[in-house]
Amino acid sequence: MAVRTFKLWRFIGLVALVVLGIAPMAGAQGFKWWQDEKLKADLGLAAEQVNRLEAVFQELSPKMTAEKQVLDALERQLSNAIRDANVAEAEVVRQVDVVEAARSALGKTRTLMIYRLYRNLSPDQRVKMKALHEKWEAERRGGGRR
């Protein structure tokens, strides 16, 4: 019985971490790197490319925003269910499935946007973008501070 209780609390703890937003999915939605003057120059983006990149963003951004709102609402419902000691474990598991399906939908849309943006870059620009991304990741992790 104690092992089952421990597993339940461990499960609830993991779900709570997810619900609290440990992995925000829509982060790439906010930075229009193709409109940054320095990045345009660094990548050598032509005006036509910038327009195509913006069109991709404009096409998928509303869908991502709507999916993020749905995910946020479902996560709030799940959080409430977890806090309610009277909710059956099966109901919490069902709600987790619904939340994860919504998170997956948002992730798919985000990945599709990234893919479409990437396809609008030349091979040389892709190499430059990859190097910039690696630099940003290193700085984000603290590796770029010396």
Protein backbone atom coordinates (compact mmCIF):
# COMPACT_ATOMS: atom_id res chain seq x y z
CA MET A 1 0.00 0.00 0.00
CA ALA A 2 2.84 2.41 0.84
CA VAL A 3 4.49 1.81 -2.54
CA ARG A 4 1.22 2.58 -4.34
CA THR A 5 0.78 5.80 -2.32
CA PHE A 6 4.37 6.82 -3.09
CA LYS A 7 3.83 6.18 -6.82
CA LEU A 8 0.64 8.26 -6.76
CA TRP A 9 2.39 11.19 -5.06
CA ARG A 10 5.35 10.89 -7.40
CA PHE A 11 2.95 10.96 -10.36
CA ILE A 12 1.13 13.99 -8.93
CA GLY A 13 4.46 15.75 -8.37
CA LEU A 14 5.55 15.16 -11.97
CA VAL A 15 2.21 16.36 -13.28
CA ALA A 16 2.45 19.46 -11.07
CA LEU A 17 5.86 20.28 -12.58
CA VAL A 18 4.41 20.02 -16.07
CA VAL A 19 1.37 22.05 -15.10
CA LEU A 20 3.56 24.78 -13.65
CA GLY A 21 5.08 25.22 -17.09
CA ILE A 22 8.52 23.68 -16.83
CA ALA A 23 8.50 23.32 -20.63
CA PRO A 24 6.80 26.34 -22.18
CA MET A 25 6.03 25.51 -25.79
CA ALA A 26 5.32 28.84 -27.38
CA GLY A 27 8.59 30.61 -26.64
CA ALA A 28 9.64 30.85 -30.29
CA GLN A 29 6.39 32.60 -31.06
CA GLY A 30 7.48 35.96 -29.69
CA PHE A 31 10.81 36.77 -31.39
CA LYS A 32 10.57 37.67 -35.06
CA TRP A 33 14.27 37.19 -35.73
CA TRP A 34 13.77 37.81 -39.46
CA GLN A 35 12.81 41.42 -38.68
CA ASP A 36 15.85 42.16 -36.53
CA GLU A 37 18.15 44.44 -38.57
CA LYS A 38 21.37 42.85 -37.30
CA LEU A 39 20.13 39.32 -37.99
CA LYS A 40 18.87 40.31 -41.42
CA ALA A 41 22.35 41.61 -42.20
CA ASP A 42 24.16 38.64 -40.57
CA LEU A 43 22.06 36.14 -42.50
CA GLY A 44 21.88 38.19 -45.69
CA LEU A 45 18.09 38.05 -45.82
CA ALA A 46 16.51 39.60 -48.91
CA ALA A 47 13.35 41.68 -48.56
CA GLU A 48 11.37 38.95 -50.36
CA GLN A 49 12.60 36.37 -47.86
CA VAL A 50 11.61 38.56 -44.93
CA ASN A 51 8.12 38.85 -46.45
CA ARG A 52 7.86 35.06 -46.87
CA LEU A 53 9.07 34.46 -43.31
CA GLU A 54 6.54 36.95 -41.99
CA ALA A 55 3.79 35.26 -44.03
CA VAL A 56 4.62 31.89 -42.42
CA PHE A 57 4.48 33.50 -38.99
CA GLN A 58 1.19 35.27 -39.74
CA GLU A 59 -0.34 32.04 -41.02
CA LEU A 60 0.52 29.88 -38.02
CA SER A 61 0.73 32.35 -35.14
CA PRO A 62 -3.05 32.61 -34.58
CA LYS A 63 -3.29 28.81 -34.46
CA MET A 64 -0.42 28.62 -31.97
CA THR A 65 -2.02 31.33 -29.82
CA ALA A 66 -5.35 29.50 -29.78
CA GLU A 67 -3.67 26.18 -29.00
CA LYS A 68 -1.68 27.80 -26.18
CA GLN A 69 -4.87 29.25 -24.68
CA VAL A 70 -6.53 25.83 -24.79
CA LEU A 71 -3.46 24.24 -23.20
CA ASP A 72 -3.36 26.87 -20.44
CA ALA A 73 -7.06 26.32 -19.65
CA LEU A 74 -6.64 22.55 -19.57
CA GLU A 75 -3.58 22.85 -17.33
CA ARG A 76 -5.59 25.01 -14.90
CA GLN A 77 -8.33 22.36 -14.86
CA LEU A 78 -5.75 19.67 -14.19
CA SER A 79 -4.17 21.71 -11.40
CA ASN A 80 -7.59 22.12 -9.79
CA ALA A 81 -8.24 18.39 -10.07
CA ILE A 82 -4.87 17.58 -8.48
CA ARG A 83 -5.59 19.95 -5.59
CA ASP A 84 -9.04 18.39 -5.05
CA ALA A 85 -8.49 15.36 -2.85
CA ASN A 86 -11.91 13.99 -3.84
CA VAL A 87 -11.12 13.58 -7.55
CA ALA A 88 -10.54 9.97 -8.53
CA GLU A 89 -7.11 9.03 -9.85
CA ALA A 90 -8.70 7.78 -13.08
CA GLU A 91 -10.13 11.27 -13.69
CA VAL A 92 -6.72 12.87 -13.11
CA VAL A 93 -5.15 10.40 -15.54
CA ARG A 94 -7.86 11.22 -18.11
CA GLN A 95 -7.20 14.92 -17.69
CA VAL A 96 -3.44 14.36 -18.05
CA ASP A 97 -4.13 12.64 -21.38
CA VAL A 98 -6.20 15.62 -22.54
CA VAL A 99 -3.50 18.10 -21.46
CA GLU A 100 -0.75 16.12 -23.18
CA ALA A 101 -2.80 15.89 -26.40
CA ALA A 102 -3.19 19.69 -26.34
CA ARG A 103 0.54 20.11 -25.63
CA SER A 104 1.31 17.79 -28.55
CA ALA A 105 -0.94 19.79 -30.90
CA LEU A 106 0.86 23.01 -29.93
CA GLY A 107 4.24 21.34 -30.36
CA LYS A 108 3.31 20.10 -33.82
CA THR A 109 2.21 23.56 -34.93
CA ARG A 110 5.36 25.13 -33.51
CA THR A 111 7.55 22.54 -35.24
CA LEU A 112 5.71 23.08 -38.51
CA MET A 113 6.34 26.83 -38.21
CA ILE A 114 10.04 26.27 -37.57
CA TYR A 115 10.21 23.89 -40.53
CA ARG A 116 8.49 26.36 -42.87
CA LEU A 117 10.72 29.21 -41.70
CA TYR A 118 13.79 27.05 -42.21
CA ARG A 119 12.72 26.12 -45.76
CA ASN A 120 12.74 29.81 -46.69
CA LEU A 121 16.46 30.08 -45.95
CA SER A 122 19.23 29.24 -48.38
CA PRO A 123 21.69 26.46 -47.43
CA ASP A 124 24.27 29.11 -46.47
CA GLN A 125 21.72 30.97 -44.35
CA ARG A 126 20.77 27.71 -42.63
CA VAL A 127 24.40 27.16 -41.64
CA LYS A 128 24.62 30.72 -40.30
CA MET A 129 21.31 30.34 -38.46
CA LYS A 130 22.45 27.08 -36.89
CA ALA A 131 25.62 28.78 -35.63
CA LEU A 132 23.59 31.67 -34.22
CA HIS A 133 21.18 29.25 -32.54
CA GLU A 134 24.06 27.33 -30.95
CA LYS A 135 25.52 30.62 -29.70
CA TRP A 136 22.12 31.67 -28.23
CA GLU A 137 21.75 28.29 -26.52
CA ALA A 138 25.24 28.51 -25.04
CA GLU A 139 24.50 32.00 -23.72
CA ARG A 140 21.13 30.86 -22.35
CA ARG A 141 22.84 28.06 -20.48
CA GLY A 142 25.48 30.44 -19.18
CA GLY A 143 28.25 29.03 -21.34
CA GLY A 144 28.70 32.30 -23.20
CA ARG A 145 29.62 34.29 -20.07
CA ARG A 146 33.35 34.65 -19.63
